[in-house]
Structure formats: structure tokens, C-alpha cells
């Protein structure tokens, strides 16, 4: 499946970011969301093409993880961590992930309805696999 098809149904736009930030504020009660502020600051001058490039990169990472999942590779395997090395590097275009925030993003893939639905459409195990992999990665490789 091409990366563009893998990411179909989930767009990375300013509007999606605003919606996710509003939901996070609603769920946590914390009006200050430094990660969202950083993303908005870093992307304020971006073109639509730059947003699409981030979508493609995310889709390719998902596709690589999906392949590993379907091949029976454990979420803590070095091959999975190698994919997540690329994910962390790509994430740094948007924000500065640390142990807590990267693990939190992994947990969001399994709990946020729109993210979960996106991943479940690929494989109903993918969201939990990504969560487990990202939490383990954060615990093992991040400070």
C-alpha cells in the first residue's frame, strides 16, 4: 500500500492541530500546552506541501511498523527501535520529544479516538503495538 493511502483519513493541518490541542485542554484542564505551542511556532510559515511531507513521512513510518507487526517482530525489538529512531528524527521538525512526551504520544495513538481509528483501519493491533513500542523506546533510549 502506498504511503499516501496509508495516511488517508488523517490529515496533518493547522486545523487538526488546533482541534487536538482543544481536546487535550478539555481532557487535562491545562490551558498551557507547550508541545502544541512549539509545533504551532515551528509550522507557522509552512506551506501545504511541507504539511503533506510530514504526512508522507508519518505514513512511511507507520507502514514500516505495520510490516514488522505482521512479521511478528516484538515491539521492543531493535528493528522496531530503528524505525522509531527515524520517527524521533522526523518529529524533531515539529517539536522536541523527550521520554515523557514521546511515551505520551505513543499512548495517544492507542487512546485518542481519531488516531486509534486511523490505525485500526490498517490493523486492529497497530495502535497498541505503536504504543508499546514508543513507550519502551522512550524508557530505553530517551532522557
N, C-alpha and C. Protein backbone atom coordinates (compact mmCIF):
# COMPACT_ATOMS: atom_id res chain seq x y z
N UNK A 1 0.84 -1.18 0.00
CA UNK A 1 0.00 0.00 0.00
C UNK A 1 0.89 1.25 0.00
N UNK A 2 0.67 2.18 -0.91
CA UNK A 2 1.46 3.39 -0.93
C UNK A 2 1.27 4.19 0.35
N UNK A 3 2.30 4.93 0.75
CA UNK A 3 2.24 5.71 1.98
C UNK A 3 1.07 6.69 1.96
N UNK A 4 0.76 7.27 0.81
CA UNK A 4 -0.34 8.21 0.74
C UNK A 4 -1.67 7.55 1.11
N UNK A 5 -1.86 6.30 0.67
CA UNK A 5 -3.08 5.58 1.02
C UNK A 5 -3.10 5.22 2.49
N UNK A 6 -1.95 4.88 3.04
CA UNK A 6 -1.89 4.52 4.44
C UNK A 6 -2.34 5.67 5.32
N UNK A 7 -2.02 6.89 4.91
CA UNK A 7 -2.36 8.04 5.73
C UNK A 7 -3.73 8.62 5.39
N UNK A 8 -4.43 8.04 4.44
CA UNK A 8 -5.75 8.55 4.06
C UNK A 8 -6.66 8.57 5.27
N UNK A 9 -7.41 9.66 5.41
CA UNK A 9 -8.34 9.76 6.52
C UNK A 9 -7.78 10.51 7.71
N UNK A 10 -6.49 10.73 7.74
CA UNK A 10 -5.90 11.53 8.81
C UNK A 10 -4.99 12.56 8.18
N UNK A 11 -5.35 13.80 8.34
CA UNK A 11 -4.58 14.89 7.74
C UNK A 11 -3.82 15.62 8.83
N UNK A 12 -2.65 16.12 8.46
CA UNK A 12 -1.86 16.95 9.36
C UNK A 12 -1.98 18.37 8.86
N UNK A 13 -2.83 19.15 9.51
CA UNK A 13 -3.09 20.53 9.12
C UNK A 13 -3.11 21.41 10.37
N UNK A 14 -3.11 22.69 10.14
CA UNK A 14 -3.25 23.63 11.26
C UNK A 14 -4.57 23.40 11.99
N UNK A 15 -5.62 23.10 11.24
CA UNK A 15 -6.92 22.89 11.84
C UNK A 15 -6.94 21.63 12.72
N UNK A 16 -6.31 20.58 12.24
CA UNK A 16 -6.23 19.35 13.03
C UNK A 16 -5.44 19.60 14.30
N UNK A 17 -4.33 20.33 14.19
CA UNK A 17 -3.55 20.67 15.38
C UNK A 17 -4.37 21.45 16.38
N UNK A 18 -5.12 22.43 15.91
CA UNK A 18 -5.96 23.23 16.81
C UNK A 18 -7.00 22.36 17.49
N UNK A 19 -7.59 21.45 16.74
CA UNK A 19 -8.59 20.54 17.31
C UNK A 19 -7.98 19.62 18.36
N UNK A 20 -6.82 19.05 18.05
CA UNK A 20 -6.15 18.17 19.01
C UNK A 20 -5.75 18.94 20.27
N UNK A 21 -5.30 20.17 20.09
CA UNK A 21 -4.94 20.98 21.25
C UNK A 21 -6.17 21.27 22.11
N UNK A 22 -7.27 21.63 21.48
CA UNK A 22 -8.51 21.91 22.22
C UNK A 22 -8.97 20.68 23.00
N UNK A 23 -8.90 19.52 22.37
CA UNK A 23 -9.29 18.28 23.06
C UNK A 23 -8.37 17.98 24.23
N UNK A 24 -7.08 18.22 24.04
CA UNK A 24 -6.12 17.99 25.12
C UNK A 24 -6.40 18.92 26.29
N UNK A 25 -6.68 20.16 26.01
CA UNK A 25 -7.01 21.12 27.07
C UNK A 25 -8.27 20.67 27.80
N UNK A 26 -9.26 20.26 27.03
CA UNK A 26 -10.52 19.79 27.63
C UNK A 26 -10.30 18.56 28.52
N UNK A 27 -9.49 17.63 28.05
CA UNK A 27 -9.25 16.40 28.80
C UNK A 27 -8.38 16.62 30.04
N UNK A 28 -7.39 17.50 29.93
CA UNK A 28 -6.44 17.68 31.03
C UNK A 28 -6.78 18.86 31.92
N UNK A 29 -7.51 19.83 31.40
CA UNK A 29 -7.79 21.04 32.14
C UNK A 29 -6.61 22.01 32.15
N UNK A 30 -5.53 21.66 31.48
CA UNK A 30 -4.34 22.51 31.44
C UNK A 30 -4.40 23.37 30.18
N UNK A 31 -4.55 24.68 30.40
CA UNK A 31 -4.68 25.57 29.25
C UNK A 31 -3.35 25.81 28.54
N UNK A 32 -2.25 25.64 29.25
CA UNK A 32 -0.95 25.78 28.61
C UNK A 32 -0.51 24.42 28.09
N UNK A 33 -0.27 24.37 26.79
CA UNK A 33 0.14 23.15 26.12
C UNK A 33 1.44 23.44 25.37
N UNK A 34 2.58 23.31 26.06
CA UNK A 34 3.85 23.71 25.45
C UNK A 34 4.20 22.97 24.17
N UNK A 35 3.83 21.69 24.07
CA UNK A 35 4.18 20.95 22.85
C UNK A 35 3.39 21.49 21.65
N UNK A 36 2.12 21.79 21.87
CA UNK A 36 1.34 22.35 20.78
C UNK A 36 1.84 23.75 20.42
N UNK A 37 2.23 24.54 21.42
CA UNK A 37 2.76 25.87 21.15
C UNK A 37 4.04 25.76 20.31
N UNK A 38 4.88 24.79 20.64
CA UNK A 38 6.11 24.61 19.87
C UNK A 38 5.81 24.20 18.43
N UNK A 39 4.87 23.29 18.25
CA UNK A 39 4.51 22.85 16.90
C UNK A 39 3.95 24.03 16.10
N UNK A 40 3.06 24.79 16.71
CA UNK A 40 2.49 25.94 16.00
C UNK A 40 3.57 26.95 15.63
N UNK A 41 4.51 27.19 16.54
CA UNK A 41 5.59 28.13 16.27
C UNK A 41 6.45 27.63 15.11
N UNK A 42 6.78 26.35 15.13
CA UNK A 42 7.68 25.81 14.09
C UNK A 42 7.00 25.72 12.72
N UNK A 43 5.68 25.60 12.70
CA UNK A 43 4.98 25.41 11.43
C UNK A 43 4.25 26.66 10.95
N UNK A 44 4.39 27.77 11.64
CA UNK A 44 3.59 28.95 11.30
C UNK A 44 3.82 29.44 9.87
N UNK A 45 4.99 29.23 9.32
CA UNK A 45 5.28 29.69 7.95
C UNK A 45 5.30 28.55 6.94
N UNK A 46 4.84 27.40 7.33
CA UNK A 46 4.89 26.24 6.43
C UNK A 46 3.88 26.36 5.30
N UNK A 47 4.25 25.77 4.18
CA UNK A 47 3.34 25.65 3.05
C UNK A 47 2.54 24.36 3.19
N UNK A 48 1.51 24.24 2.38
CA UNK A 48 0.75 22.99 2.37
C UNK A 48 1.64 21.81 2.00
N UNK A 49 2.58 22.03 1.10
CA UNK A 49 3.50 20.96 0.71
C UNK A 49 4.33 20.47 1.89
N UNK A 50 4.74 21.36 2.76
CA UNK A 50 5.50 20.95 3.93
C UNK A 50 4.65 20.11 4.88
N UNK A 51 3.39 20.47 5.03
CA UNK A 51 2.49 19.66 5.85
C UNK A 51 2.29 18.28 5.21
N UNK A 52 2.14 18.23 3.88
CA UNK A 52 1.97 16.94 3.18
C UNK A 52 3.22 16.07 3.34
N UNK A 53 4.40 16.69 3.34
CA UNK A 53 5.64 15.93 3.50
C UNK A 53 5.67 15.25 4.87
N UNK A 54 5.24 15.95 5.90
CA UNK A 54 5.19 15.36 7.24
C UNK A 54 4.20 14.20 7.25
N UNK A 55 3.08 14.36 6.56
CA UNK A 55 2.11 13.26 6.45
C UNK A 55 2.76 12.04 5.80
N UNK A 56 3.47 12.26 4.70
CA UNK A 56 4.12 11.15 3.99
C UNK A 56 5.15 10.45 4.88
N UNK A 57 5.95 11.23 5.58
CA UNK A 57 6.95 10.64 6.47
C UNK A 57 6.28 9.81 7.56
N UNK A 58 5.22 10.34 8.14
CA UNK A 58 4.49 9.60 9.17
C UNK A 58 3.89 8.32 8.62
N UNK A 59 3.35 8.40 7.42
CA UNK A 59 2.75 7.22 6.79
C UNK A 59 3.80 6.15 6.52
N UNK A 60 4.97 6.57 6.08
CA UNK A 60 6.03 5.60 5.81
C UNK A 60 6.49 4.91 7.09
N UNK A 61 6.57 5.66 8.18
CA UNK A 61 6.95 5.06 9.46
C UNK A 61 5.87 4.08 9.91
N UNK A 62 4.61 4.47 9.79
CA UNK A 62 3.52 3.55 10.14
C UNK A 62 3.59 2.28 9.30
N UNK A 63 3.83 2.43 8.02
CA UNK A 63 3.90 1.27 7.13
C UNK A 63 5.04 0.34 7.54
N UNK A 64 6.17 0.90 7.88
CA UNK A 64 7.31 0.08 8.33
C UNK A 64 6.97 -0.65 9.62
N UNK A 65 6.31 0.04 10.55
CA UNK A 65 5.91 -0.61 11.80
C UNK A 65 4.85 -1.68 11.55
N UNK A 66 3.93 -1.40 10.66
CA UNK A 66 2.91 -2.38 10.32
C UNK A 66 3.53 -3.66 9.76
N UNK A 67 4.52 -3.50 8.91
CA UNK A 67 5.21 -4.65 8.35
C UNK A 67 5.87 -5.47 9.45
N UNK A 68 6.54 -4.81 10.38
CA UNK A 68 7.19 -5.50 11.49
C UNK A 68 6.16 -6.21 12.37
N UNK A 69 5.05 -5.55 12.64
CA UNK A 69 3.98 -6.16 13.42
C UNK A 69 3.50 -7.44 12.75
N UNK A 70 3.21 -7.34 11.48
CA UNK A 70 2.69 -8.50 10.74
C UNK A 70 3.72 -9.61 10.58
N UNK A 71 5.00 -9.25 10.68
CA UNK A 71 6.06 -10.26 10.63
C UNK A 71 6.32 -10.88 12.00
N UNK A 72 5.57 -10.43 13.00
CA UNK A 72 5.70 -11.00 14.34
C UNK A 72 6.87 -10.47 15.14
N UNK A 73 7.41 -9.33 14.76
CA UNK A 73 8.54 -8.74 15.47
C UNK A 73 8.03 -8.05 16.74
N UNK A 74 8.66 -8.34 17.86
CA UNK A 74 8.25 -7.76 19.14
C UNK A 74 8.40 -6.24 19.13
N UNK A 75 7.52 -5.56 19.86
CA UNK A 75 7.54 -4.10 19.92
C UNK A 75 8.85 -3.56 20.51
N UNK A 76 9.58 -4.40 21.22
CA UNK A 76 10.84 -3.98 21.85
C UNK A 76 12.07 -4.42 21.07
N UNK A 77 11.87 -4.97 19.90
CA UNK A 77 12.97 -5.46 19.07
C UNK A 77 13.81 -4.29 18.52
N UNK A 78 15.11 -4.50 18.37
CA UNK A 78 15.96 -3.44 17.79
C UNK A 78 15.49 -2.96 16.41
N UNK A 79 14.88 -3.81 15.62
CA UNK A 79 14.38 -3.39 14.31
C UNK A 79 13.26 -2.35 14.46
N UNK A 80 12.42 -2.54 15.47
CA UNK A 80 11.36 -1.57 15.74
C UNK A 80 11.97 -0.27 16.23
N UNK A 81 12.94 -0.38 17.12
CA UNK A 81 13.60 0.82 17.64
C UNK A 81 14.30 1.59 16.53
N UNK A 82 14.82 0.89 15.52
CA UNK A 82 15.45 1.57 14.39
C UNK A 82 14.43 2.42 13.64
N UNK A 83 13.22 1.91 13.47
CA UNK A 83 12.15 2.69 12.83
C UNK A 83 11.81 3.90 13.71
N UNK A 84 11.76 3.68 15.01
CA UNK A 84 11.42 4.78 15.91
C UNK A 84 12.55 5.82 15.99
N UNK A 85 13.78 5.40 15.75
CA UNK A 85 14.86 6.40 15.62
C UNK A 85 14.50 7.38 14.50
N UNK A 86 14.03 6.85 13.38
CA UNK A 86 13.63 7.71 12.27
C UNK A 86 12.42 8.56 12.63
N UNK A 87 11.50 7.99 13.40
CA UNK A 87 10.31 8.73 13.83
C UNK A 87 10.69 9.90 14.73
N UNK A 88 11.58 9.66 15.67
CA UNK A 88 12.03 10.74 16.56
C UNK A 88 12.71 11.83 15.75
N UNK A 89 13.54 11.43 14.80
CA UNK A 89 14.22 12.41 13.96
C UNK A 89 13.20 13.24 13.17
N UNK A 90 12.21 12.59 12.60
CA UNK A 90 11.16 13.31 11.86
C UNK A 90 10.36 14.21 12.80
N UNK A 91 10.10 13.75 14.00
CA UNK A 91 9.33 14.53 14.97
C UNK A 91 10.04 15.82 15.33
N UNK A 92 11.34 15.80 15.30
CA UNK A 92 12.11 16.99 15.69
C UNK A 92 11.90 18.17 14.74
N UNK A 93 11.29 17.93 13.60
CA UNK A 93 10.92 19.04 12.72
C UNK A 93 9.79 19.85 13.35
N UNK A 94 9.01 19.17 14.19
CA UNK A 94 7.80 19.77 14.77
C UNK A 94 7.94 20.16 16.23
N UNK A 95 8.61 19.33 17.00
CA UNK A 95 8.68 19.52 18.44
C UNK A 95 9.91 18.80 18.97
N UNK A 96 10.19 18.97 20.24
CA UNK A 96 11.36 18.35 20.87
C UNK A 96 10.88 17.23 21.79
N UNK A 97 10.83 16.01 21.27
CA UNK A 97 10.34 14.92 22.10
C UNK A 97 11.34 14.54 23.19
N UNK A 98 10.81 14.24 24.36
CA UNK A 98 11.62 13.69 25.44
C UNK A 98 10.93 12.41 25.91
N UNK A 99 11.47 11.78 26.92
CA UNK A 99 10.92 10.49 27.37
C UNK A 99 9.42 10.57 27.64
N UNK A 100 9.03 11.54 28.43
CA UNK A 100 7.63 11.65 28.82
C UNK A 100 6.72 11.97 27.64
N UNK A 101 7.12 12.94 26.83
CA UNK A 101 6.25 13.37 25.73
C UNK A 101 6.16 12.32 24.63
N UNK A 102 7.25 11.61 24.36
CA UNK A 102 7.21 10.60 23.31
C UNK A 102 6.37 9.40 23.75
N UNK A 103 6.54 8.99 25.01
CA UNK A 103 5.69 7.91 25.55
C UNK A 103 4.23 8.35 25.54
N UNK A 104 3.99 9.61 25.88
CA UNK A 104 2.62 10.14 25.86
C UNK A 104 2.01 10.12 24.48
N UNK A 105 2.81 10.42 23.47
CA UNK A 105 2.32 10.34 22.09
C UNK A 105 1.97 8.90 21.74
N UNK A 106 2.82 7.98 22.14
CA UNK A 106 2.53 6.56 21.90
C UNK A 106 1.22 6.15 22.54
N UNK A 107 0.99 6.60 23.76
CA UNK A 107 -0.27 6.28 24.45
C UNK A 107 -1.45 6.91 23.74
N UNK A 108 -1.25 8.10 23.19
CA UNK A 108 -2.34 8.77 22.46
C UNK A 108 -2.76 7.99 21.23
N UNK A 109 -1.81 7.32 20.58
CA UNK A 109 -2.17 6.51 19.41
C UNK A 109 -3.17 5.42 19.78
N UNK A 110 -3.10 4.94 21.01
CA UNK A 110 -3.99 3.88 21.44
C UNK A 110 -5.27 4.39 22.07
N UNK A 111 -5.29 5.66 22.51
CA UNK A 111 -6.46 6.15 23.25
C UNK A 111 -7.25 7.25 22.54
N UNK A 112 -6.59 8.10 21.77
CA UNK A 112 -7.31 9.18 21.09
C UNK A 112 -8.16 8.58 19.98
N UNK A 113 -9.47 8.78 20.01
CA UNK A 113 -10.36 8.09 19.06
C UNK A 113 -9.98 8.25 17.60
N UNK A 114 -9.61 9.48 17.18
CA UNK A 114 -9.32 9.69 15.76
C UNK A 114 -8.01 9.01 15.36
N UNK A 115 -7.04 9.01 16.26
CA UNK A 115 -5.77 8.34 15.96
C UNK A 115 -5.95 6.82 15.97
N UNK A 116 -6.68 6.34 16.96
CA UNK A 116 -6.93 4.90 17.07
C UNK A 116 -7.69 4.41 15.83
N UNK A 117 -8.70 5.13 15.43
CA UNK A 117 -9.50 4.72 14.27
C UNK A 117 -8.64 4.67 13.01
N UNK A 118 -7.78 5.65 12.87
CA UNK A 118 -6.87 5.69 11.72
C UNK A 118 -6.00 4.43 11.69
N UNK A 119 -5.41 4.07 12.82
CA UNK A 119 -4.52 2.92 12.89
C UNK A 119 -5.30 1.61 12.82
N UNK A 120 -6.46 1.55 13.46
CA UNK A 120 -7.28 0.33 13.42
C UNK A 120 -7.70 -0.02 12.00
N UNK A 121 -7.85 0.99 11.15
CA UNK A 121 -8.22 0.73 9.76
C UNK A 121 -7.11 -0.03 9.04
N UNK A 122 -5.87 0.11 9.50
CA UNK A 122 -4.73 -0.60 8.90
C UNK A 122 -4.62 -2.01 9.47
N UNK A 123 -4.73 -2.09 10.79
CA UNK A 123 -4.66 -3.37 11.51
C UNK A 123 -5.11 -3.08 12.93
N UNK A 124 -6.07 -3.84 13.46
CA UNK A 124 -6.57 -3.55 14.80
C UNK A 124 -5.52 -3.70 15.91
N UNK A 125 -4.37 -4.22 15.58
CA UNK A 125 -3.30 -4.35 16.57
C UNK A 125 -2.28 -3.23 16.51
N UNK A 126 -2.35 -2.41 15.46
CA UNK A 126 -1.29 -1.43 15.22
C UNK A 126 -1.20 -0.35 16.30
N UNK A 127 -2.30 0.18 16.76
CA UNK A 127 -2.26 1.25 17.77
C UNK A 127 -1.59 0.76 19.05
N UNK A 128 -1.96 -0.42 19.51
CA UNK A 128 -1.36 -0.95 20.73
C UNK A 128 0.12 -1.28 20.52
N UNK A 129 0.45 -1.77 19.34
CA UNK A 129 1.84 -2.08 19.01
C UNK A 129 2.68 -0.81 19.03
N UNK A 130 2.16 0.25 18.41
CA UNK A 130 2.88 1.51 18.40
C UNK A 130 3.02 2.05 19.81
N UNK A 131 1.95 1.98 20.59
CA UNK A 131 2.02 2.45 21.97
C UNK A 131 3.12 1.70 22.72
N UNK A 132 3.08 0.38 22.66
CA UNK A 132 4.05 -0.43 23.38
C UNK A 132 5.47 -0.13 22.92
N UNK A 133 5.65 0.01 21.62
CA UNK A 133 6.97 0.28 21.07
C UNK A 133 7.47 1.66 21.49
N UNK A 134 6.63 2.66 21.39
CA UNK A 134 7.04 4.02 21.71
C UNK A 134 7.32 4.20 23.20
N UNK A 135 6.53 3.57 24.05
CA UNK A 135 6.78 3.65 25.49
C UNK A 135 8.09 2.95 25.82
N UNK A 136 8.31 1.77 25.26
CA UNK A 136 9.56 1.04 25.51
C UNK A 136 10.75 1.82 24.97
N UNK A 137 10.61 2.38 23.80
CA UNK A 137 11.68 3.18 23.20
C UNK A 137 12.02 4.38 24.11
N UNK A 138 10.98 5.08 24.53
CA UNK A 138 11.20 6.25 25.39
C UNK A 138 11.91 5.86 26.68
N UNK A 139 11.48 4.78 27.28
CA UNK A 139 12.10 4.31 28.53
C UNK A 139 13.54 3.88 28.33
N UNK A 140 13.84 3.33 27.17
CA UNK A 140 15.16 2.77 26.90
C UNK A 140 16.14 3.78 26.32
N UNK A 141 15.66 4.64 25.43
CA UNK A 141 16.59 5.47 24.65
C UNK A 141 16.50 6.97 24.87
N UNK A 142 15.54 7.42 25.66
CA UNK A 142 15.37 8.88 25.80
C UNK A 142 15.58 9.31 27.24
N UNK A 143 15.95 10.57 27.38
CA UNK A 143 16.13 11.10 28.73
C UNK A 143 15.03 12.12 29.04
